[in-house]
C-alpha atoms as a PDB file:
ATOM      1  CA  MET A   1       4.889 -11.197  28.120  1.00  0.00           C
ATOM      2  CA  SER A   2       1.500 -10.938  29.839  1.00  0.00           C
ATOM      3  CA  LEU A   3      -1.705 -11.848  28.051  1.00  0.00           C
ATOM      4  CA  GLU A   4      -2.796  -8.194  27.946  1.00  0.00           C
ATOM      5  CA  ILE A   5       0.497  -7.137  26.340  1.00  0.00           C
ATOM      6  CA  PHE A   6       0.219 -10.012  23.861  1.00  0.00           C
ATOM      7  CA  TRP A   7      -3.287  -8.980  22.746  1.00  0.00           C
ATOM      8  CA  GLN A   8      -2.186  -5.355  22.574  1.00  0.00           C
ATOM      9  CA  GLY A   9       0.612  -6.379  20.226  1.00  0.00           C
ATOM     10  CA  VAL A  10      -1.765  -8.478  18.105  1.00  0.00           C
ATOM     11  CA  LEU A  11      -4.239  -5.607  17.716  1.00  0.00           C
ATOM     12  CA  ASN A  12      -1.498  -3.102  16.925  1.00  0.00           C
ATOM     13  CA  GLY A  13      -0.119  -5.588  14.392  1.00  0.00           C
ATOM     14  CA  LEU A  14      -3.495  -5.979  12.700  1.00  0.00           C
ATOM     15  CA  ALA A  15      -3.834  -2.200  12.370  1.00  0.00           C
ATOM     16  CA  THR A  16      -0.353  -1.657  10.906  1.00  0.00           C
ATOM     17  CA  GLY A  17      -0.653  -4.848   8.859  1.00  0.00           C
ATOM     18  CA  GLY A  18      -3.816  -3.477   7.253  1.00  0.00           C
ATOM     19  CA  ILE A  19      -1.871  -0.411   6.081  1.00  0.00           C
ATOM     20  CA  TYR A  20       1.006  -2.568   4.805  1.00  0.00           C
ATOM     21  CA  ILE A  21      -1.432  -4.731   2.859  1.00  0.00           C
ATOM     22  CA  LEU A  22      -3.046  -1.750   1.128  1.00  0.00           C
ATOM     23  CA  VAL A  23       0.361  -0.429   0.061  1.00  0.00           C
ATOM     24  CA  ALA A  24       1.569  -3.871  -1.007  1.00  0.00           C
ATOM     25  CA  LEU A  25      -1.590  -4.647  -2.995  1.00  0.00           C
ATOM     26  CA  GLY A  26      -0.983  -1.587  -5.142  1.00  0.00           C
ATOM     27  CA  LEU A  27       2.640  -2.556  -5.728  1.00  0.00           C
ATOM     28  CA  THR A  28       1.610  -6.139  -6.498  1.00  0.00           C
ATOM     29  CA  LEU A  29      -1.033  -5.120  -9.029  1.00  0.00           C
ATOM     30  CA  ILE A  30       1.401  -2.840 -10.830  1.00  0.00           C
ATOM     31  CA  PHE A  31       4.239  -5.365 -10.849  1.00  0.00           C
ATOM     32  CA  GLY A  32       2.069  -8.317 -11.785  1.00  0.00           C
ATOM     33  CA  ILE A  33       0.498  -6.580 -14.782  1.00  0.00           C
ATOM     34  CA  MET A  34       3.186  -4.152 -15.964  1.00  0.00           C
ATOM     35  CA  ASN A  35       6.320  -5.916 -14.664  1.00  0.00           C
ATOM     36  CA  ILE A  36       7.632  -2.704 -13.148  1.00  0.00           C
ATOM     37  CA  VAL A  37       8.532  -1.837  -9.559  1.00  0.00           C
ATOM     38  CA  GLN A  38       6.770   1.453  -8.843  1.00  0.00           C
ATOM     39  CA  PHE A  39       9.357   3.101  -6.585  1.00  0.00           C
ATOM     40  CA  ALA A  40       7.266   6.292  -6.581  1.00  0.00           C
ATOM     41  CA  HIS A  41       4.415   4.396  -4.892  1.00  0.00           C
ATOM     42  CA  GLY A  42       5.439   5.791  -1.508  1.00  0.00           C
ATOM     43  CA  GLU A  43       5.057   9.315  -2.856  1.00  0.00           C
ATOM     44  CA  ILE A  44       1.594   8.438  -4.175  1.00  0.00           C
ATOM     45  CA  TYR A  45       0.784   7.259  -0.638  1.00  0.00           C
ATOM     46  CA  MET A  46       2.106  10.577   0.716  1.00  0.00           C
ATOM     47  CA  LEU A  47       0.098  12.669  -1.769  1.00  0.00           C
ATOM     48  CA  GLY A  48      -3.068  10.772  -0.854  1.00  0.00           C
ATOM     49  CA  ALA A  49      -2.533  11.711   2.792  1.00  0.00           C
ATOM     50  CA  TYR A  50      -1.946  15.372   1.909  1.00  0.00           C
ATOM     51  CA  PHE A  51      -5.020  15.620  -0.307  1.00  0.00           C
ATOM     52  CA  THR A  52      -7.195  14.136   2.431  1.00  0.00           C
ATOM     53  CA  TYR A  53      -5.638  16.491   4.975  1.00  0.00           C
ATOM     54  CA  TYR A  54      -6.283  19.613   2.912  1.00  0.00           C
ATOM     55  CA  PHE A  55      -9.803  18.622   1.860  1.00  0.00           C
ATOM     56  CA  SER A  56     -10.714  17.971   5.496  1.00  0.00           C
ATOM     57  CA  THR A  57      -9.005  21.042   7.001  1.00  0.00           C
ATOM     58  CA  LEU A  58      -9.083  23.813   4.396  1.00  0.00           C
ATOM     59  CA  PHE A  59     -12.453  22.908   2.890  1.00  0.00           C
ATOM     60  CA  GLY A  60     -13.968  21.436   6.050  1.00  0.00           C
ATOM     61  CA  PHE A  61     -15.109  18.200   4.416  1.00  0.00           C
ATOM     62  CA  ASN A  62     -15.987  15.131   6.434  1.00  0.00           C
ATOM     63  CA  PHE A  63     -13.032  12.695   6.481  1.00  0.00           C
ATOM     64  CA  TRP A  64     -14.806  10.152   4.278  1.00  0.00           C
ATOM     65  CA  ILE A  65     -15.727  12.753   1.648  1.00  0.00           C
ATOM     66  CA  ALA A  66     -12.168  14.098   1.743  1.00  0.00           C
ATOM     67  CA  LEU A  67     -10.868  10.539   1.307  1.00  0.00           C
ATOM     68  CA  VAL A  68     -13.076   9.970  -1.748  1.00  0.00           C
ATOM     69  CA  PHE A  69     -11.802  13.171  -3.393  1.00  0.00           C
ATOM     70  CA  SER A  70      -8.230  12.176  -2.550  1.00  0.00           C
ATOM     71  CA  MET A  71      -8.729   8.729  -4.102  1.00  0.00           C
ATOM     72  CA  ILE A  72     -10.180  10.239  -7.289  1.00  0.00           C
ATOM     73  CA  ILE A  73      -7.305  12.704  -7.708  1.00  0.00           C
ATOM     74  CA  VAL A  74      -4.617  10.130  -6.974  1.00  0.00           C
ATOM     75  CA  ALA A  75      -6.268   7.548  -9.223  1.00  0.00           C
ATOM     76  CA  ALA A  76      -6.297  10.138 -12.026  1.00  0.00           C
ATOM     77  CA  LEU A  77      -2.623  10.811 -11.333  1.00  0.00           C
ATOM     78  CA  GLY A  78      -2.023   7.068 -11.672  1.00  0.00           C
ATOM     79  CA  LEU A  79      -3.646   7.137 -15.108  1.00  0.00           C
ATOM     80  CA  LEU A  80      -1.367   9.996 -16.177  1.00  0.00           C
ATOM     81  CA  LEU A  81       1.730   8.250 -14.862  1.00  0.00           C
ATOM     82  CA  GLU A  82       0.849   5.068 -16.730  1.00  0.00           C
ATOM     83  CA  ARG A  83       0.144   6.853 -19.985  1.00  0.00           C
ATOM     84  CA  PHE A  84       3.042   9.290 -20.098  1.00  0.00           C
ATOM     85  CA  PHE A  85       5.768   7.674 -17.975  1.00  0.00           C
ATOM     86  CA  PHE A  86       5.383   3.898 -17.695  1.00  0.00           C
ATOM     87  CA  ARG A  87       3.540   2.659 -20.774  1.00  0.00           C
ATOM     88  CA  SER A  88       6.603   2.885 -22.997  1.00  0.00           C
ATOM     89  CA  PHE A  89       8.652   0.927 -20.452  1.00  0.00           C
ATOM     90  CA  ARG A  90       6.163  -1.842 -19.628  1.00  0.00           C
ATOM     91  CA  ASN A  91       8.010  -5.158 -19.224  1.00  0.00           C
ATOM     92  CA  GLN A  92      11.346  -3.287 -19.353  1.00  0.00           C
ATOM     93  CA  PHE A  93      12.598  -3.753 -15.822  1.00  0.00           C
ATOM     94  CA  GLU A  94      15.738  -1.573 -15.701  1.00  0.00           C
ATOM     95  CA  PRO A  95      14.447   1.479 -17.631  1.00  0.00           C
ATOM     96  CA  SER A  96      11.225   1.473 -15.617  1.00  0.00           C
ATOM     97  CA  ILE A  97      13.218   1.570 -12.378  1.00  0.00           C
ATOM     98  CA  ILE A  98      15.049   4.692 -13.562  1.00  0.00           C
ATOM     99  CA  VAL A  99      11.737   6.352 -14.459  1.00  0.00           C
ATOM    100  CA  ALA A 100      10.168   5.367 -11.117  1.00  0.00           C
ATOM    101  CA  VAL A 101      13.103   6.642  -9.063  1.00  0.00           C
ATOM    102  CA  GLY A 102      13.056   9.904 -11.010  1.00  0.00           C
ATOM    103  CA  LEU A 103       9.343  10.288 -10.302  1.00  0.00           C
ATOM    104  CA  MET A 104       9.939   9.515  -6.632  1.00  0.00           C
ATOM    105  CA  ILE A 105      12.459  12.354  -6.329  1.00  0.00           C
ATOM    106  CA  LEU A 106      10.293  14.711  -8.398  1.00  0.00           C
ATOM    107  CA  LEU A 107       7.088  14.125  -6.420  1.00  0.00           C
ATOM    108  CA  GLN A 108       8.861  14.392  -3.064  1.00  0.00           C
ATOM    109  CA  THR A 109      10.500  17.672  -4.111  1.00  0.00           C
ATOM    110  CA  VAL A 110       7.181  19.061  -5.342  1.00  0.00           C
ATOM    111  CA  ALA A 111       5.574  18.098  -2.024  1.00  0.00           C
ATOM    112  CA  LEU A 112       8.333  19.807  -0.027  1.00  0.00           C
ATOM    113  CA  VAL A 113       8.025  23.006  -2.040  1.00  0.00           C
ATOM    114  CA  THR A 114       4.219  22.995  -2.135  1.00  0.00           C
ATOM    115  CA  PHE A 115       3.249  21.718   1.304  1.00  0.00           C
ATOM    116  CA  GLY A 116       6.315  22.655   3.351  1.00  0.00           C
ATOM    117  CA  ALA A 117       8.494  20.457   5.535  1.00  0.00           C
ATOM    118  CA  GLU A 118       6.497  20.801   8.751  1.00  0.00           C
ATOM    119  CA  THR A 119       4.492  17.877  10.061  1.00  0.00           C
ATOM    120  CA  LYS A 120       0.708  18.128   9.862  1.00  0.00           C
ATOM    121  CA  SER A 121      -1.911  16.319  11.922  1.00  0.00           C
ATOM    122  CA  MET A 122      -5.398  15.203  10.985  1.00  0.00           C
ATOM    123  CA  SER A 123      -8.381  14.955  13.303  1.00  0.00           C
ATOM    124  CA  SER A 124      -9.538  11.531  14.444  1.00  0.00           C
ATOM    125  CA  ILE A 125     -12.008   9.692  12.252  1.00  0.00           C
ATOM    126  CA  VAL A 126     -13.814   8.328  15.301  1.00  0.00           C
ATOM    127  CA  PRO A 127     -12.649   9.700  18.666  1.00  0.00           C
ATOM    128  CA  GLY A 128     -12.201   7.350  21.586  1.00  0.00           C
ATOM    129  CA  ILE A 129     -10.771   3.924  22.299  1.00  0.00           C
ATOM    130  CA  PHE A 130     -11.855   0.319  21.857  1.00  0.00           C
ATOM    131  CA  LYS A 131     -11.159  -2.302  24.541  1.00  0.00           C
ATOM    132  CA  ILE A 132     -10.936  -6.068  24.062  1.00  0.00           C
ATOM    133  CA  PHE A 133      -9.199  -8.831  26.064  1.00  0.00           C
ATOM    134  CA  GLY A 134      -7.597  -6.194  28.278  1.00  0.00           C
ATOM    135  CA  ALA A 135      -5.990  -4.451  25.270  1.00  0.00           C
ATOM    136  CA  VAL A 136      -6.753  -0.896  24.170  1.00  0.00           C
ATOM    137  CA  LEU A 137      -6.955   0.304  20.592  1.00  0.00           C
ATOM    138  CA  SER A 138      -7.976   3.689  19.230  1.00  0.00           C
ATOM    139  CA  TRP A 139     -10.989   3.693  16.960  1.00  0.00           C
ATOM    140  CA  ASP A 140      -8.769   5.152  14.251  1.00  0.00           C
ATOM    141  CA  ARG A 141      -6.556   2.049  14.306  1.00  0.00           C
ATOM    142  CA  LEU A 142      -9.621  -0.182  14.410  1.00  0.00           C
ATOM    143  CA  MET A 143     -10.927   1.591  11.312  1.00  0.00           C
ATOM    144  CA  ALA A 144      -7.640   0.764   9.568  1.00  0.00           C
ATOM    145  CA  ILE A 145      -8.278  -2.939  10.297  1.00  0.00           C
ATOM    146  CA  ILE A 146     -11.889  -2.805   9.103  1.00  0.00           C
ATOM    147  CA  ILE A 147     -11.160  -0.809   5.944  1.00  0.00           C
ATOM    148  CA  GLY A 148      -8.182  -3.003   5.097  1.00  0.00           C
ATOM    149  CA  LEU A 149     -10.291  -6.159   5.427  1.00  0.00           C
ATOM    150  CA  PHE A 150     -13.131  -4.683   3.384  1.00  0.00           C
ATOM    151  CA  LEU A 151     -10.846  -3.594   0.542  1.00  0.00           C
ATOM    152  CA  VAL A 152      -9.032  -6.934   0.411  1.00  0.00           C
ATOM    153  CA  VAL A 153     -12.367  -8.753   0.042  1.00  0.00           C
ATOM    154  CA  ALA A 154     -13.562  -6.202  -2.532  1.00  0.00           C
ATOM    155  CA  LEU A 155     -10.373  -6.594  -4.568  1.00  0.00           C
ATOM    156  CA  PHE A 156     -10.615 -10.391  -4.587  1.00  0.00           C
ATOM    157  CA  LEU A 157     -14.265 -10.185  -5.685  1.00  0.00           C
ATOM    158  CA  MET A 158     -13.418  -7.669  -8.415  1.00  0.00           C
ATOM    159  CA  ILE A 159     -10.701  -9.924  -9.796  1.00  0.00           C
ATOM    160  CA  ALA A 160     -12.870 -13.023  -9.628  1.00  0.00           C
ATOM    161  CA  LYS A 161     -16.204 -11.594 -10.811  1.00  0.00           C
ATOM    162  CA  THR A 162     -15.539  -8.742 -13.245  1.00  0.00           C
ATOM    163  CA  LYS A 163     -14.244  -8.589 -16.796  1.00  0.00           C
ATOM    164  CA  ILE A 164     -11.516  -6.106 -15.940  1.00  0.00           C
ATOM    165  CA  GLY A 165     -10.450  -8.365 -13.075  1.00  0.00           C
ATOM    166  CA  GLN A 166     -10.181 -11.349 -15.379  1.00  0.00           C
ATOM    167  CA  ALA A 167      -8.310  -9.179 -17.886  1.00  0.00           C
ATOM    168  CA  MET A 168      -5.812  -8.334 -15.130  1.00  0.00           C
ATOM    169  CA  VAL A 169      -5.298 -12.022 -14.432  1.00  0.00           C
ATOM    170  CA  ALA A 170      -4.793 -12.761 -18.125  1.00  0.00           C
ATOM    171  CA  VAL A 171      -2.316  -9.910 -18.638  1.00  0.00           C
ATOM    172  CA  SER A 172      -0.368 -10.844 -15.517  1.00  0.00           C
ATOM    173  CA  GLN A 173       0.050 -14.407 -16.843  1.00  0.00           C
ATOM    174  CA  ASP A 174       0.909 -13.543 -20.461  1.00  0.00           C
ATOM    175  CA  SER A 175       0.246 -10.072 -21.850  1.00  0.00           C
ATOM    176  CA  TYR A 176       0.939 -11.095 -25.457  1.00  0.00           C
ATOM    177  CA  ALA A 177      -1.451 -14.054 -25.359  1.00  0.00           C
ATOM    178  CA  ALA A 178      -4.051 -11.897 -23.623  1.00  0.00           C
ATOM    179  CA  SER A 179      -3.823  -9.306 -26.399  1.00  0.00           C
ATOM    180  CA  LEU A 180      -4.420 -12.037 -29.001  1.00  0.00           C
ATOM    181  CA  TYR A 181      -7.684 -12.879 -27.224  1.00  0.00           C
ATOM    182  CA  GLY A 182      -8.834  -9.264 -27.447  1.00  0.00           C
ATOM    183  CA  VAL A 183      -7.718  -7.937 -24.062  1.00  0.00           C
ATOM    184  CA  ASN A 184      -6.729  -4.272 -24.206  1.00  0.00           C
ATOM    185  CA  VAL A 185      -3.372  -4.443 -22.426  1.00  0.00           C
ATOM    186  CA  ASN A 186      -2.916  -0.660 -22.298  1.00  0.00           C
ATOM    187  CA  ARG A 187      -6.295  -0.130 -20.669  1.00  0.00           C
ATOM    188  CA  THR A 188      -5.717  -2.985 -18.226  1.00  0.00           C
ATOM    189  CA  SER A 189      -2.340  -1.550 -17.220  1.00  0.00           C
ATOM    190  CA  ALA A 190      -3.869   1.901 -16.749  1.00  0.00           C
ATOM    191  CA  VAL A 191      -6.612   0.492 -14.513  1.00  0.00           C
ATOM    192  CA  ALA A 192      -4.036  -1.437 -12.476  1.00  0.00           C
ATOM    193  CA  LEU A 193      -1.828   1.600 -11.846  1.00  0.00           C
ATOM    194  CA  SER A 194      -4.844   3.801 -11.130  1.00  0.00           C
ATOM    195  CA  LEU A 195      -6.367   1.271  -8.731  1.00  0.00           C
ATOM    196  CA  GLY A 196      -3.013   0.661  -7.032  1.00  0.00           C
ATOM    197  CA  SER A 197      -2.587   4.421  -6.582  1.00  0.00           C
ATOM    198  CA  ALA A 198      -6.066   4.734  -5.040  1.00  0.00           C
ATOM    199  CA  LEU A 199      -5.240   1.970  -2.545  1.00  0.00           C
ATOM    200  CA  ALA A 200      -2.038   3.814  -1.641  1.00  0.00           C
ATOM    201  CA  ALA A 201      -4.047   7.024  -1.108  1.00  0.00           C
ATOM    202  CA  ILE A 202      -6.340   5.201   1.325  1.00  0.00           C
ATOM    203  CA  ALA A 203      -3.374   3.749   3.206  1.00  0.00           C
ATOM    204  CA  GLY A 204      -1.630   7.127   3.421  1.00  0.00           C
ATOM    205  CA  SER A 205      -4.777   8.851   4.640  1.00  0.00           C
ATOM    206  CA  LEU A 206      -5.389   6.254   7.355  1.00  0.00           C
ATOM    207  CA  MET A 207      -1.762   6.402   8.477  1.00  0.00           C
ATOM    208  CA  GLY A 208      -1.936  10.192   8.444  1.00  0.00           C
ATOM    209  CA  VAL A 209      -4.806  10.059  10.910  1.00  0.00           C
ATOM    210  CA  VAL A 210      -3.052   7.569  13.196  1.00  0.00           C
ATOM    211  CA  PHE A 211       0.302   9.373  13.080  1.00  0.00           C
ATOM    212  CA  SER A 212       0.946  12.495  10.986  1.00  0.00           C
ATOM    213  CA  VAL A 213       1.469  13.788   7.446  1.00  0.00           C
ATOM    214  CA  TYR A 214       4.863  14.936   6.141  1.00  0.00           C
ATOM    215  CA  PRO A 215       6.656  14.981   2.749  1.00  0.00           C
ATOM    216  CA  THR A 216       8.996  12.039   3.403  1.00  0.00           C
ATOM    217  CA  MET A 217       6.401   9.679   4.883  1.00  0.00           C
ATOM    218  CA  GLY A 218       6.387   7.670   1.658  1.00  0.00           C
ATOM    219  CA  GLY A 219       9.858   6.224   2.271  1.00  0.00           C
ATOM    220  CA  PHE A 220       8.658   4.104   5.190  1.00  0.00           C
ATOM    221  CA  ALA A 221       5.579   2.953   3.263  1.00  0.00           C
ATOM    222  CA  LEU A 222       7.639   1.967   0.224  1.00  0.00           C
ATOM    223  CA  THR A 223      10.135   0.021   2.341  1.00  0.00           C
ATOM    224  CA  LYS A 224       7.409  -1.903   4.126  1.00  0.00           C
ATOM    225  CA  GLY A 225       5.391  -2.399   0.943  1.00  0.00           C
ATOM    226  CA  ILE A 226       8.328  -3.890  -0.958  1.00  0.00           C
ATOM    227  CA  ALA A 227       9.193  -6.082   2.042  1.00  0.00           C
ATOM    228  CA  VAL A 228       5.624  -7.405   2.105  1.00  0.00           C
ATOM    229  CA  VAL A 229       5.636  -8.058  -1.656  1.00  0.00           C
ATOM    230  CA  ILE A 230       8.952  -9.940  -1.469  1.00  0.00           C
ATOM    231  CA  LEU A 231       7.828 -11.956   1.546  1.00  0.00           C
ATOM    232  CA  GLY A 232       4.477 -12.849   0.001  1.00  0.00           C
ATOM    233  CA  GLY A 233       5.825 -13.425  -3.509  1.00  0.00           C
ATOM    234  CA  LEU A 234       6.179 -11.030  -6.436  1.00  0.00           C
ATOM    235  CA  GLY A 235       2.884 -10.530  -8.243  1.00  0.00           C
ATOM    236  CA  SER A 236       0.808 -12.579  -5.779  1.00  0.00           C
ATOM    237  CA  ILE A 237      -2.195 -10.799  -4.282  1.00  0.00           C
ATOM    238  CA  PRO A 238      -2.847 -13.519  -1.643  1.00  0.00           C
ATOM    239  CA  GLY A 239       0.878 -13.387  -0.884  1.00  0.00           C
ATOM    240  CA  ALA A 240       0.660  -9.618  -0.299  1.00  0.00           C
ATOM    241  CA  VAL A 241      -2.141 -10.179   2.224  1.00  0.00           C
ATOM    242  CA  ILE A 242      -0.251 -12.945   4.035  1.00  0.00           C
ATOM    243  CA  GLY A 243       3.015 -10.996   3.994  1.00  0.00           C
ATOM    244  CA  GLY A 244       1.312  -7.868   5.317  1.00  0.00           C
ATOM    245  CA  LEU A 245      -0.274  -9.783   8.182  1.00  0.00           C
ATOM    246  CA  ILE A 246       3.039 -11.429   9.097  1.00  0.00           C
ATOM    247  CA  LEU A 247       5.074  -8.213   9.076  1.00  0.00           C
ATOM    248  CA  GLY A 248       2.282  -6.388  10.882  1.00  0.00           C
ATOM    249  CA  GLN A 249       2.283  -8.968  13.680  1.00  0.00           C
ATOM    250  CA  ILE A 250       6.071  -8.859  13.920  1.00  0.00           C
ATOM    251  CA  ASP A 251       5.953  -5.076  14.262  1.00  0.00           C
ATOM    252  CA  GLY A 252       3.098  -5.223  16.762  1.00  0.00           C
ATOM    253  CA  LEU A 253       4.437  -7.967  19.032  1.00  0.00           C
ATOM    254  CA  VAL A 254       8.164  -7.203  18.938  1.00  0.00           C
ATOM    255  CA  SER A 255       7.508  -3.502  19.550  1.00  0.00           C
ATOM    256  CA  MET A 256       5.710  -4.386  22.784  1.00  0.00           C
ATOM    257  CA  VAL A 257       8.862  -5.895  24.275  1.00  0.00           C
ATOM    258  CA  SER A 258      11.493  -3.860  22.417  1.00  0.00           C
ATOM    259  CA  ASN A 259      11.172  -0.998  19.909  1.00  0.00           C
ATOM    260  CA  SER A 260      10.201  -0.359  16.304  1.00  0.00           C
ATOM    261  CA  THR A 261      13.810  -0.520  15.078  1.00  0.00           C
ATOM    262  CA  ILE A 262      14.259  -4.036  16.453  1.00  0.00           C
ATOM    263  CA  SER A 263      10.911  -5.124  15.004  1.00  0.00           C
ATOM    264  CA  THR A 264      12.010  -3.891  11.566  1.00  0.00           C
ATOM    265  CA  VAL A 265      15.283  -5.811  11.866  1.00  0.00           C
ATOM    266  CA  VAL A 266      13.420  -8.979  12.898  1.00  0.00           C
ATOM    267  CA  GLY A 267      11.099  -8.618   9.907  1.00  0.00           C
ATOM    268  CA  PHE A 268      13.931  -8.286   7.407  1.00  0.00           C
ATOM    269  CA  VAL A 269      15.862 -11.164   8.982  1.00  0.00           C
ATOM    270  CA  LEU A 270      12.758 -13.328   8.557  1.00  0.00           C
ATOM    271  CA  ILE A 271      12.539 -12.328   4.876  1.00  0.00           C
ATOM    272  CA  ILE A 272      16.214 -13.155   4.298  1.00  0.00           C
ATOM    273  CA  ILE A 273      15.842 -16.575   5.938  1.00  0.00           C
ATOM    274  CA  LEU A 274      12.688 -17.333   3.940  1.00  0.00           C
ATOM    275  CA  LEU A 275      14.320 -16.346   0.644  1.00  0.00           C
ATOM    276  CA  LEU A 276      17.249 -18.670   1.348  1.00  0.00           C
ATOM    277  CA  PHE A 277      14.856 -21.628   1.352  1.00  0.00           C
ATOM    278  CA  ARG A 278      12.069 -20.278  -0.879  1.00  0.00           C
ATOM    279  CA  PRO A 279      13.432 -17.586  -3.222  1.00  0.00           C
ATOM    280  CA  ARG A 280      10.054 -16.875  -4.822  1.00  0.00           C
ATOM    281  CA  GLY A 281       8.408 -15.982  -1.487  1.00  0.00           C
ATOM    282  CA  ILE A 282       5.441 -17.576   0.243  1.00  0.00           C
ATOM    283  CA  MET A 283       2.985 -17.514  -2.689  1.00  0.00           C
ATOM    284  CA  GLY A 284       5.252 -16.542  -5.583  1.00  0.00           C
ATOM    285  CA  ARG A 285       5.159 -18.428  -8.853  1.00  0.00           C
ATOM    286  CA  GLU A 286       8.109 -20.209 -10.414  1.00  0.00           C
END
């Protein structure tokens, strides 16, 4: 592998890894606070991409304005899902899985009927390419890296510096004890699912620009997001970041010498090997 191909793989891996991290952070927040696996998270990701697409094409909004509207709508949807679908099943692992899978099928069917099965394309955020170390990257992919980094830092600061962030930490450690100290567990759970949904909307919108938008695009996102969460450790936000970077680099580098199918296989083999020696993942708690 030449140096140019290596750097190309690294840059591609950072771009895809940024998307994986955004998806995985949402899943991690929801699991850590509500102890549910949100299998409909991929469909939330898909809806975020569609809302951004339609706001930018039908209404002619700038991409960033369209993205903000998409985030608001999807975040509101997250609030509704928490209140009417998941709240009653918080900390009930098996029933919540049934609810999440049902929502996944429902939302995908609604998208197929409403938006149609054809693939849709969004205009570039910033046209052109970026060159570094002999490697070439579109500005759209570079934006995915920048936005991913910015949101990771913002999320860490929110958790460390705000009351709602500290409430999330408390609930994730022991929801009953947190409630005794005055933490509103229902509100904290609603914020977590809403925030996780907004992150998924951003990821879907960025991926929609880089590739395309279609009703089943959430399946890939969910698969990668769960893989990242397992690799990094269930409920660990730093683990989600590390896992996303690792899987992103595997996809970027292996794809340069083989194809995306082989890179996916390599990633899952790595996860299996890691779990044999460290079942809780890289940063998972006992």
